[in-house]
Amino acid sequence: GLSVSIAAASIVAKVTRDRLMQAVGRAYPDYGFDSHKG
C-alpha cells in the first residue's frame, strides 16, 4: 500500500495465483477452488 513496485508485484502474484486456483477448481470441481481460492 506504500510502494508502486511492491503494489505491482502484489497484483501480478495475486492474478497469477487466482488463475492457477481456477485451473485447480476445474480439475477438482467439488471443492469450489474457483471461488474461495483455497
Full PDB file with SEQRES, HELIX, SHEET, SSBOND, CRYST1, ORIGX, SCALE, CONECT and MASTER records, all heavy atoms in Angstrom:
SEQRES   1 A   38  GLY LEU SER VAL SER ILE ALA ALA ALA SER ILE VAL ALA          
SEQRES   2 A   38  LYS VAL THR ARG ASP ARG LEU MET GLN ALA VAL GLY ARG          
SEQRES   3 A   38  ALA TYR PRO ASP TYR GLY PHE ASP SER HIS LYS GLY              
HELIX    1 AA1 VAL A    4  ALA A   27  1                                  24    
HELIX    2 AA2 PRO A   29  TYR A   31  5                                   3    
HELIX    3 AA3 PHE A   33  HIS A   36  1                                   4    
CRYST1    1.000    1.000    1.000  90.00  90.00  90.00 P 1           1          
ORIGX1      1.000000  0.000000  0.000000        0.00000                         
ORIGX2      0.000000  1.000000  0.000000        0.00000                         
ORIGX3      0.000000  0.000000  1.000000        0.00000                         
SCALE1      1.000000  0.000000  0.000000        0.00000                         
SCALE2      0.000000  1.000000  0.000000        0.00000                         
SCALE3      0.000000  0.000000  1.000000        0.00000                         
ATOM      1  N   GLY A   1       0.803  -1.218   0.000  1.00  0.00           N  
ATOM      2  CA  GLY A   1       0.000   0.000   0.000  1.00  0.00           C  
ATOM      3  C   GLY A   1       0.831   1.261   0.000  1.00  0.00           C  
ATOM      4  O   GLY A   1       0.283   2.365   0.031  1.00  0.00           O  
ATOM      5  N   LEU A   2       2.178   1.113  -0.048  1.00  0.00           N  
ATOM      6  CA  LEU A   2       3.078   2.261   0.032  1.00  0.00           C  
ATOM      7  C   LEU A   2       3.945   2.443  -1.206  1.00  0.00           C  
ATOM      8  O   LEU A   2       4.220   3.566  -1.609  1.00  0.00           O  
ATOM      9  CB  LEU A   2       3.997   2.118   1.265  1.00  0.00           C  
ATOM     10  CG  LEU A   2       3.316   2.058   2.623  1.00  0.00           C  
ATOM     11  CD1 LEU A   2       4.347   1.735   3.709  1.00  0.00           C  
ATOM     12  CD2 LEU A   2       2.621   3.377   2.930  1.00  0.00           C  
ATOM     13  N   SER A   3       4.394   1.343  -1.793  1.00  0.00           N  
ATOM     14  CA  SER A   3       5.351   1.384  -2.901  1.00  0.00           C  
ATOM     15  C   SER A   3       4.698   0.895  -4.182  1.00  0.00           C  
ATOM     16  O   SER A   3       4.063  -0.160  -4.207  1.00  0.00           O  
ATOM     17  CB  SER A   3       6.557   0.480  -2.567  1.00  0.00           C  
ATOM     18  OG  SER A   3       7.206   0.026  -3.732  1.00  0.00           O  
ATOM     19  N   VAL A   4       4.892   1.651  -5.278  1.00  0.00           N  
ATOM     20  CA  VAL A   4       4.291   1.238  -6.546  1.00  0.00           C  
ATOM     21  C   VAL A   4       4.898  -0.078  -7.034  1.00  0.00           C  
ATOM     22  O   VAL A   4       4.208  -0.906  -7.636  1.00  0.00           O  
ATOM     23  CB  VAL A   4       4.447   2.328  -7.635  1.00  0.00           C  
ATOM     24  CG1 VAL A   4       3.619   3.554  -7.295  1.00  0.00           C  
ATOM     25  CG2 VAL A   4       5.896   2.696  -7.857  1.00  0.00           C  
ATOM     26  N   SER A   5       6.191  -0.285  -6.764  1.00  0.00           N  
ATOM     27  CA  SER A   5       6.841  -1.516  -7.220  1.00  0.00           C  
ATOM     28  C   SER A   5       6.292  -2.738  -6.482  1.00  0.00           C  
ATOM     29  O   SER A   5       6.024  -3.780  -7.085  1.00  0.00           O  
ATOM     30  CB  SER A   5       8.355  -1.423  -7.023  1.00  0.00           C  
ATOM     31  OG  SER A   5       8.894  -0.342  -7.729  1.00  0.00           O  
ATOM     32  N   ILE A   6       6.131  -2.602  -5.161  1.00  0.00           N  
ATOM     33  CA  ILE A   6       5.581  -3.718  -4.387  1.00  0.00           C  
ATOM     34  C   ILE A   6       4.114  -3.931  -4.747  1.00  0.00           C  
ATOM     35  O   ILE A   6       3.652  -5.071  -4.856  1.00  0.00           O  
ATOM     36  CB  ILE A   6       5.748  -3.470  -2.878  1.00  0.00           C  
ATOM     37  CG1 ILE A   6       7.224  -3.360  -2.503  1.00  0.00           C  
ATOM     38  CG2 ILE A   6       5.091  -4.600  -2.085  1.00  0.00           C  
ATOM     39  CD1 ILE A   6       7.467  -3.038  -1.036  1.00  0.00           C  
ATOM     40  N   ALA A   7       3.362  -2.840  -4.924  1.00  0.00           N  
ATOM     41  CA  ALA A   7       1.953  -2.969  -5.310  1.00  0.00           C  
ATOM     42  C   ALA A   7       1.824  -3.723  -6.626  1.00  0.00           C  
ATOM     43  O   ALA A   7       0.961  -4.605  -6.781  1.00  0.00           O  
ATOM     44  CB  ALA A   7       1.305  -1.589  -5.422  1.00  0.00           C  
ATOM     45  N   ALA A   8       2.685  -3.400  -7.588  1.00  0.00           N  
ATOM     46  CA  ALA A   8       2.652  -4.097  -8.879  1.00  0.00           C  
ATOM     47  C   ALA A   8       2.960  -5.576  -8.693  1.00  0.00           C  
ATOM     48  O   ALA A   8       2.315  -6.440  -9.299  1.00  0.00           O  
ATOM     49  CB  ALA A   8       3.650  -3.461  -9.843  1.00  0.00           C  
ATOM     50  N   ALA A   9       3.940  -5.888  -7.838  1.00  0.00           N  
ATOM     51  CA  ALA A   9       4.270  -7.292  -7.568  1.00  0.00           C  
ATOM     52  C   ALA A   9       3.092  -8.006  -6.915  1.00  0.00           C  
ATOM     53  O   ALA A   9       2.815  -9.177  -7.223  1.00  0.00           O  
ATOM     54  CB  ALA A   9       5.511  -7.375  -6.680  1.00  0.00           C  
ATOM     55  N   SER A  10       2.390  -7.317  -6.019  1.00  0.00           N  
ATOM     56  CA  SER A  10       1.247  -7.950  -5.346  1.00  0.00           C  
ATOM     57  C   SER A  10       0.149  -8.263  -6.345  1.00  0.00           C  
ATOM     58  O   SER A  10      -0.519  -9.303  -6.246  1.00  0.00           O  
ATOM     59  CB  SER A  10       0.710  -7.040  -4.224  1.00  0.00           C  
ATOM     60  OG  SER A  10      -0.096  -5.992  -4.717  1.00  0.00           O  
ATOM     61  N   ILE A  11      -0.055  -7.406  -7.338  1.00  0.00           N  
ATOM     62  CA  ILE A  11      -1.085  -7.634  -8.360  1.00  0.00           C  
ATOM     63  C   ILE A  11      -0.719  -8.816  -9.237  1.00  0.00           C  
ATOM     64  O   ILE A  11      -1.541  -9.704  -9.507  1.00  0.00           O  
ATOM     65  CB  ILE A  11      -1.284  -6.361  -9.198  1.00  0.00           C  
ATOM     66  CG1 ILE A  11      -1.914  -5.257  -8.341  1.00  0.00           C  
ATOM     67  CG2 ILE A  11      -2.150  -6.644 -10.431  1.00  0.00           C  
ATOM     68  CD1 ILE A  11      -1.868  -3.878  -8.973  1.00  0.00           C  
ATOM     69  N   VAL A  12       0.538  -8.857  -9.688  1.00  0.00           N  
ATOM     70  CA  VAL A  12       0.971  -9.959 -10.555  1.00  0.00           C  
ATOM     71  C   VAL A  12       0.881 -11.292  -9.805  1.00  0.00           C  
ATOM     72  O   VAL A  12       0.397 -12.297 -10.348  1.00  0.00           O  
ATOM     73  CB  VAL A  12       2.407  -9.711 -11.061  1.00  0.00           C  
ATOM     74  CG1 VAL A  12       2.936 -10.949 -11.793  1.00  0.00           C  
ATOM     75  CG2 VAL A  12       2.443  -8.502 -11.982  1.00  0.00           C  
ATOM     76  N   ALA A  13       1.332 -11.304  -8.555  1.00  0.00           N  
ATOM     77  CA  ALA A  13       1.282 -12.543  -7.777  1.00  0.00           C  
ATOM     78  C   ALA A  13      -0.149 -12.994  -7.549  1.00  0.00           C  
ATOM     79  O   ALA A  13      -0.481 -14.193  -7.688  1.00  0.00           O  
ATOM     80  CB  ALA A  13       1.996 -12.351  -6.439  1.00  0.00           C  
ATOM     81  N   LYS A  14      -1.033 -12.054  -7.212  1.00  0.00           N  
ATOM     82  CA  LYS A  14      -2.429 -12.388  -6.938  1.00  0.00           C  
ATOM     83  C   LYS A  14      -3.144 -12.915  -8.184  1.00  0.00           C  
ATOM     84  O   LYS A  14      -3.840 -13.938  -8.133  1.00  0.00           O  
ATOM     85  CB  LYS A  14      -3.147 -11.151  -6.393  1.00  0.00           C  
ATOM     86  CG  LYS A  14      -4.652 -11.257  -6.255  1.00  0.00           C  
ATOM     87  CD  LYS A  14      -5.077 -12.253  -5.212  1.00  0.00           C  
ATOM     88  CE  LYS A  14      -6.593 -12.199  -4.999  1.00  0.00           C  
ATOM     89  NZ  LYS A  14      -7.053 -13.359  -4.195  1.00  0.00           N  
ATOM     90  N   VAL A  15      -2.975 -12.225  -9.312  1.00  0.00           N  
ATOM     91  CA  VAL A  15      -3.656 -12.658 -10.540  1.00  0.00           C  
ATOM     92  C   VAL A  15      -3.126 -14.020 -10.979  1.00  0.00           C  
ATOM     93  O   VAL A  15      -3.897 -14.905 -11.370  1.00  0.00           O  
ATOM     94  CB  VAL A  15      -3.472 -11.607 -11.654  1.00  0.00           C  
ATOM     95  CG1 VAL A  15      -3.957 -12.156 -13.000  1.00  0.00           C  
ATOM     96  CG2 VAL A  15      -4.238 -10.337 -11.309  1.00  0.00           C  
ATOM     97  N   THR A  16      -1.809 -14.211 -10.898  1.00  0.00           N  
ATOM     98  CA  THR A  16      -1.228 -15.495 -11.284  1.00  0.00           C  
ATOM     99  C   THR A  16      -1.779 -16.619 -10.417  1.00  0.00           C  
ATOM    100  O   THR A  16      -2.181 -17.680 -10.916  1.00  0.00           O  
ATOM    101  CB  THR A  16       0.302 -15.448 -11.167  1.00  0.00           C  
ATOM    102  OG1 THR A  16       0.810 -14.402 -12.003  1.00  0.00           O  
ATOM    103  CG2 THR A  16       0.920 -16.782 -11.579  1.00  0.00           C  
ATOM    104  N   ARG A  17      -1.811 -16.406  -9.102  1.00  0.00           N  
ATOM    105  CA  ARG A  17      -2.302 -17.460  -8.219  1.00  0.00           C  
ATOM    106  C   ARG A  17      -3.790 -17.722  -8.426  1.00  0.00           C  
ATOM    107  O   ARG A  17      -4.224 -18.880  -8.424  1.00  0.00           O  
ATOM    108  CB  ARG A  17      -2.038 -17.113  -6.754  1.00  0.00           C  
ATOM    109  CG  ARG A  17      -2.382 -18.280  -5.844  1.00  0.00           C  
ATOM    110  CD  ARG A  17      -2.108 -18.034  -4.375  1.00  0.00           C  
ATOM    111  NE  ARG A  17      -2.290 -19.279  -3.649  1.00  0.00           N  
ATOM    112  CZ  ARG A  17      -3.463 -19.769  -3.272  1.00  0.00           C  
ATOM    113  NH1 ARG A  17      -4.579 -19.084  -3.535  1.00  0.00           N  
ATOM    114  NH2 ARG A  17      -3.542 -20.918  -2.627  1.00  0.00           N  
ATOM    115  N   ASP A  18      -4.574 -16.658  -8.596  1.00  0.00           N  
ATOM    116  CA  ASP A  18      -6.008 -16.855  -8.831  1.00  0.00           C  
ATOM    117  C   ASP A  18      -6.242 -17.698 -10.084  1.00  0.00           C  
ATOM    118  O   ASP A  18      -7.117 -18.575 -10.108  1.00  0.00           O  
ATOM    119  CB  ASP A  18      -6.717 -15.507  -8.963  1.00  0.00           C  
ATOM    120  CG  ASP A  18      -6.960 -14.846  -7.616  1.00  0.00           C  
ATOM    121  OD1 ASP A  18      -6.629 -15.451  -6.575  1.00  0.00           O  
ATOM    122  OD2 ASP A  18      -7.473 -13.708  -7.611  1.00  0.00           O  
ATOM    123  N   ARG A  19      -5.471 -17.443 -11.131  1.00  0.00           N  
ATOM    124  CA  ARG A  19      -5.627 -18.212 -12.360  1.00  0.00           C  
ATOM    125  C   ARG A  19      -5.253 -19.678 -12.134  1.00  0.00           C  
ATOM    126  O   ARG A  19      -5.913 -20.583 -12.655  1.00  0.00           O  
ATOM    127  CB  ARG A  19      -4.769 -17.594 -13.469  1.00  0.00           C  
ATOM    128  CG  ARG A  19      -5.276 -16.237 -13.953  1.00  0.00           C  
ATOM    129  CD  ARG A  19      -4.336 -15.633 -14.979  1.00  0.00           C  
ATOM    130  NE  ARG A  19      -4.830 -14.358 -15.487  1.00  0.00           N  
ATOM    131  CZ  ARG A  19      -4.174 -13.586 -16.361  1.00  0.00           C  
ATOM    132  NH1 ARG A  19      -2.993 -13.988 -16.824  1.00  0.00           N  
ATOM    133  NH2 ARG A  19      -4.683 -12.450 -16.771  1.00  0.00           N  
ATOM    134  N   LEU A  20      -4.194 -19.901 -11.366  1.00  0.00           N  
ATOM    135  CA  LEU A  20      -3.803 -21.272 -11.057  1.00  0.00           C  
ATOM    136  C   LEU A  20      -4.898 -21.992 -10.277  1.00  0.00           C  
ATOM    137  O   LEU A  20      -5.215 -23.160 -10.545  1.00  0.00           O  
ATOM    138  CB  LEU A  20      -2.503 -21.276 -10.252  1.00  0.00           C  
ATOM    139  CG  LEU A  20      -1.230 -20.905 -11.018  1.00  0.00           C  
ATOM    140  CD1 LEU A  20      -0.062 -20.769 -10.048  1.00  0.00           C  
ATOM    141  CD2 LEU A  20      -0.910 -21.950 -12.078  1.00  0.00           C  
ATOM    142  N   MET A  21      -5.489 -21.288  -9.297  1.00  0.00           N  
ATOM    143  CA  MET A  21      -6.530 -21.921  -8.485  1.00  0.00           C  
ATOM    144  C   MET A  21      -7.816 -22.145  -9.275  1.00  0.00           C  
ATOM    145  O   MET A  21      -8.574 -23.083  -9.001  1.00  0.00           O  
ATOM    146  CB  MET A  21      -6.804 -21.095  -7.231  1.00  0.00           C  
ATOM    147  CG  MET A  21      -5.637 -21.043  -6.254  1.00  0.00           C  
ATOM    148  SD  MET A  21      -4.962 -22.679  -5.830  1.00  0.00           S  
ATOM    149  CE  MET A  21      -6.350 -23.417  -4.968  1.00  0.00           C  
ATOM    150  N   GLN A  22      -8.068 -21.305 -10.260  1.00  0.00           N  
ATOM    151  CA  GLN A  22      -9.216 -21.559 -11.135  1.00  0.00           C  
ATOM    152  C   GLN A  22      -9.001 -22.841 -11.937  1.00  0.00           C  
ATOM    153  O   GLN A  22      -9.936 -23.626 -12.152  1.00  0.00           O  
ATOM    154  CB  GLN A  22      -9.440 -20.365 -12.056  1.00  0.00           C  
ATOM    155  CG  GLN A  22     -10.021 -19.161 -11.329  1.00  0.00           C  
ATOM    156  CD  GLN A  22      -9.891 -17.866 -12.111  1.00  0.00           C  
ATOM    157  OE1 GLN A  22      -9.313 -17.842 -13.208  1.00  0.00           O  
ATOM    158  NE2 GLN A  22     -10.406 -16.782 -11.553  1.00  0.00           N  
ATOM    159  N   ALA A  23      -7.749 -23.065 -12.361  1.00  0.00           N  
ATOM    160  CA  ALA A  23      -7.435 -24.306 -13.069  1.00  0.00           C  
ATOM    161  C   ALA A  23      -7.574 -25.506 -12.139  1.00  0.00           C  
ATOM    162  O   ALA A  23      -8.105 -26.560 -12.539  1.00  0.00           O  
ATOM    163  CB  ALA A  23      -6.018 -24.236 -13.637  1.00  0.00           C  
ATOM    164  N   VAL A  24      -7.123 -25.353 -10.891  1.00  0.00           N  
ATOM    165  CA  VAL A  24      -7.302 -26.425  -9.903  1.00  0.00           C  
ATOM    166  C   VAL A  24      -8.797 -26.693  -9.694  1.00  0.00           C  
ATOM    167  O   VAL A  24      -9.233 -27.843  -9.584  1.00  0.00           O  
ATOM    168  CB  VAL A  24      -6.630 -26.058  -8.567  1.00  0.00           C  
ATOM    169  CG1 VAL A  24      -7.007 -27.045  -7.467  1.00  0.00           C  
ATOM    170  CG2 VAL A  24      -5.110 -26.015  -8.725  1.00  0.00           C  
ATOM    171  N   GLY A  25      -9.586 -25.632  -9.669  1.00  0.00           N  
ATOM    172  CA  GLY A  25     -11.029 -25.782  -9.493  1.00  0.00           C  
ATOM    173  C   GLY A  25     -11.681 -26.557 -10.624  1.00  0.00           C  
ATOM    174  O   GLY A  25     -12.638 -27.311 -10.399  1.00  0.00           O  
ATOM    175  N   ARG A  26     -11.171 -26.377 -11.838  1.00  0.00           N  
ATOM    176  CA  ARG A  26     -11.729 -27.139 -12.967  1.00  0.00           C  
ATOM    177  C   ARG A  26     -11.381 -28.621 -12.846  1.00  0.00           C  
ATOM    178  O   ARG A  26     -12.171 -29.487 -13.249  1.00  0.00           O  
ATOM    179  CB  ARG A  26     -11.210 -26.566 -14.291  1.00  0.00           C  
ATOM    180  CG  ARG A  26     -11.784 -25.193 -14.627  1.00  0.00           C  
ATOM    181  CD  ARG A  26     -11.465 -24.779 -16.040  1.00  0.00           C  
ATOM    182  NE  ARG A  26     -10.050 -24.487 -16.235  1.00  0.00           N  
ATOM    183  CZ  ARG A  26      -9.498 -23.304 -16.031  1.00  0.00           C  
ATOM    184  NH1 ARG A  26     -10.229 -22.289 -15.606  1.00  0.00           N  
ATOM    185  NH2 ARG A  26      -8.202 -23.116 -16.254  1.00  0.00           N  
ATOM    186  N   ALA A  27     -10.199 -28.901 -12.276  1.00  0.00           N  
ATOM    187  CA  ALA A  27      -9.799 -30.303 -12.115  1.00  0.00           C  
ATOM    188  C   ALA A  27     -10.474 -30.954 -10.906  1.00  0.00           C  
ATOM    189  O   ALA A  27     -10.707 -32.172 -10.908  1.00  0.00           O  
ATOM    190  CB  ALA A  27      -8.285 -30.386 -11.976  1.00  0.00           C  
ATOM    191  N   TYR A  28     -10.780 -30.144  -9.879  1.00  0.00           N  
ATOM    192  CA  TYR A  28     -11.409 -30.653  -8.648  1.00  0.00           C  
ATOM    193  C   TYR A  28     -12.641 -29.802  -8.345  1.00  0.00           C  
ATOM    194  O   TYR A  28     -12.644 -28.997  -7.413  1.00  0.00           O  
ATOM    195  CB  TYR A  28     -10.413 -30.592  -7.486  1.00  0.00           C  
ATOM    196  CG  TYR A  28      -9.259 -31.561  -7.627  1.00  0.00           C  
ATOM    197  CD1 TYR A  28      -8.145 -31.230  -8.384  1.00  0.00           C  
ATOM    198  CD2 TYR A  28      -9.298 -32.806  -7.000  1.00  0.00           C  
ATOM    199  CE1 TYR A  28      -7.091 -32.127  -8.530  1.00  0.00           C  
ATOM    200  CE2 TYR A  28      -8.248 -33.704  -7.138  1.00  0.00           C  
ATOM    201  CZ  TYR A  28      -7.152 -33.346  -7.908  1.00  0.00           C  
ATOM    202  OH  TYR A  28      -6.107 -34.241  -8.043  1.00  0.00           O  
ATOM    203  N   PRO A  29     -13.712 -29.953  -9.128  1.00  0.00           N  
ATOM    204  CA  PRO A  29     -14.871 -29.065  -9.014  1.00  0.00           C  
ATOM    205  C   PRO A  29     -15.640 -29.192  -7.706  1.00  0.00           C  
ATOM    206  O   PRO A  29     -16.418 -28.290  -7.369  1.00  0.00           O  
ATOM    207  CB  PRO A  29     -15.742 -29.465 -10.213  1.00  0.00           C  
ATOM    208  CG  PRO A  29     -15.329 -30.879 -10.523  1.00  0.00           C  
ATOM    209  CD  PRO A  29     -13.874 -30.943 -10.217  1.00  0.00           C  
ATOM    210  N   ASP A  30     -15.445 -30.259  -6.950  1.00  0.00           N  
ATOM    211  CA  ASP A  30     -16.218 -30.445  -5.722  1.00  0.00           C  
ATOM    212  C   ASP A  30     -15.796 -29.505  -4.598  1.00  0.00           C  
ATOM    213  O   ASP A  30     -16.515 -29.383  -3.604  1.00  0.00           O  
ATOM    214  CB  ASP A  30     -16.076 -31.888  -5.225  1.00  0.00           C  
ATOM    215  CG  ASP A  30     -16.735 -32.900  -6.151  1.00  0.00           C  
ATOM    216  OD1 ASP A  30     -17.695 -32.505  -6.848  1.00  0.00           O  
ATOM    217  OD2 ASP A  30     -16.293 -34.059  -6.187  1.00  0.00           O  
ATOM    218  N   TYR A  31     -14.660 -28.844  -4.721  1.00  0.00           N  
ATOM    219  CA  TYR A  31     -14.132 -28.057  -3.606  1.00  0.00           C  
ATOM    220  C   TYR A  31     -14.400 -26.550  -3.713  1.00  0.00           C  
ATOM    221  O   TYR A  31     -14.195 -25.827  -2.754  1.00  0.00           O  
ATOM    222  CB  TYR A  31     -12.622 -28.287  -3.472  1.00  0.00           C  
ATOM    223  CG  TYR A  31     -12.279 -29.685  -3.031  1.00  0.00           C  
ATOM    224  CD1 TYR A  31     -12.074 -30.697  -3.967  1.00  0.00           C  
ATOM    225  CD2 TYR A  31     -12.174 -30.010  -1.686  1.00  0.00           C  
ATOM    226  CE1 TYR A  31     -11.770 -31.990  -3.583  1.00  0.00           C  
ATOM    227  CE2 TYR A  31     -11.864 -31.305  -1.281  1.00  0.00           C  
ATOM    228  CZ  TYR A  31     -11.671 -32.282  -2.229  1.00  0.00           C  
ATOM    229  OH  TYR A  31     -11.371 -33.559  -1.834  1.00  0.00           O  
ATOM    230  N   GLY A  32     -14.815 -26.066  -4.862  1.00  0.00           N  
ATOM    231  CA  GLY A  32     -15.094 -24.641  -5.011  1.00  0.00           C  
ATOM    232  C   GLY A  32     -13.861 -23.765  -5.048  1.00  0.00           C  
ATOM    233  O   GLY A  32     -13.920 -22.581  -4.683  1.00  0.00           O  
ATOM    234  N   PHE A  33     -12.721 -24.309  -5.491  1.00  0.00           N  
ATOM    235  CA  PHE A  33     -11.481 -23.530  -5.511  1.00  0.00           C  
ATOM    236  C   PHE A  33     -11.591 -22.277  -6.369  1.00  0.00           C  
ATOM    237  O   PHE A  33     -10.918 -21.277  -6.112  1.00  0.00           O  
ATOM    238  CB  PHE A  33     -10.317 -24.382  -6.020  1.00  0.00           C  
ATOM    239  CG  PHE A  33      -9.860 -25.447  -5.066  1.00  0.00           C  
ATOM    240  CD1 PHE A  33      -9.791 -26.768  -5.468  1.00  0.00           C  
ATOM    241  CD2 PHE A  33      -9.495 -25.129  -3.774  1.00  0.00           C  
ATOM    242  CE1 PHE A  33      -9.364 -27.756  -4.597  1.00  0.00           C  
ATOM    243  CE2 PHE A  33      -9.070 -26.111  -2.890  1.00  0.00           C  
ATOM    244  CZ  PHE A  33      -9.004 -27.430  -3.300  1.00  0.00           C  
ATOM    245  N   ASP A  34     -12.414 -22.328  -7.410  1.00  0.00           N  
ATOM    246  CA  ASP A  34     -12.521 -21.168  -8.287  1.00  0.00           C  
ATOM    247  C   ASP A  34     -13.107 -19.956  -7.577  1.00  0.00           C  
ATOM    248  O   ASP A  34     -12.864 -18.821  -7.975  1.00  0.00           O  
ATOM    249  CB  ASP A  34     -13.368 -21.502  -9.518  1.00  0.00           C  
ATOM    250  CG  ASP A  34     -14.739 -22.036  -9.154  1.00  0.00           C  
ATOM    251  OD1 ASP A  34     -14.862 -22.665  -8.078  1.00  0.00           O  
ATOM    252  OD2 ASP A  34     -15.690 -21.821  -9.926  1.00  0.00           O  
ATOM    253  N   SER A  35     -13.849 -20.179  -6.473  1.00  0.00           N  
ATOM    254  CA  SER A  35     -14.439 -19.050  -5.744  1.00  0.00           C  
ATOM    255  C   SER A  35     -13.614 -18.652  -4.531  1.00  0.00           C  
ATOM    256  O   SER A  35     -13.300 -17.475  -4.345  1.00  0.00           O  
ATOM    257  CB  SER A  35     -15.871 -19.376  -5.310  1.00  0.00           C  
ATOM    258  OG  SER A  35     -15.881 -20.496  -4.434  1.00  0.00           O  
ATOM    259  N   HIS A  36     -13.223 -19.623  -3.687  1.00  0.00           N  
ATOM    260  CA  HIS A  36     -12.506 -19.246  -2.452  1.00  0.00           C  
ATOM    261  C   HIS A  36     -10.989 -19.314  -2.575  1.00  0.00           C  
ATOM    262  O   HIS A  36     -10.276 -18.861  -1.677  1.00  0.00           O  
ATOM    263  CB  HIS A  36     -12.967 -20.103  -1.278  1.00  0.00           C  
ATOM    264  CG  HIS A  36     -12.828 -21.575  -1.481  1.00  0.00           C  
ATOM    265  ND1 HIS A  36     -11.611 -22.209  -1.623  1.00  0.00           N  
ATOM    266  CD2 HIS A  36     -13.770 -22.563  -1.555  1.00  0.00           C  
ATOM    267  CE1 HIS A  36     -11.794 -23.510  -1.762  1.00  0.00           C  
ATOM    268  NE2 HIS A  36     -13.102 -23.753  -1.733  1.00  0.00           N  
ATOM    269  N   LYS A  37     -10.469 -19.854  -3.681  1.00  0.00           N  
ATOM    270  CA  LYS A  37      -9.029 -19.899  -3.981  1.00  0.00           C  
ATOM    271  C   LYS A  37      -8.224 -20.643  -2.914  1.00  0.00           C  
ATOM    272  O   LYS A  37      -7.021 -20.427  -2.780  1.00  0.00           O  
ATOM    273  CB  LYS A  37      -8.473 -18.476  -4.152  1.00  0.00           C  
ATOM    274  CG  LYS A  37      -9.238 -17.594  -5.121  1.00  0.00           C  
ATOM    275  CD  LYS A  37      -9.299 -18.182  -6.522  1.00  0.00           C  
ATOM    276  CE  LYS A  37      -9.880 -17.203  -7.535  1.00  0.00           C  
ATOM    277  NZ  LYS A  37     -11.291 -16.881  -7.316  1.00  0.00           N  
ATOM    278  N   GLY A  38      -8.884 -21.498  -2.141  1.00  0.00           N  
ATOM    279  CA  GLY A  38      -8.172 -22.291  -1.147  1.00  0.00           C  
ATOM    280  C   GLY A  38      -8.156 -21.707   0.249  1.00  0.00           C  
ATOM    281  O   GLY A  38      -7.597 -22.318   1.169  1.00  0.00           O  
TER     282      GLY A  38                                                      
MASTER        0    0    0    3    0    0    0    6  281    1    0    3          
END                                                                             
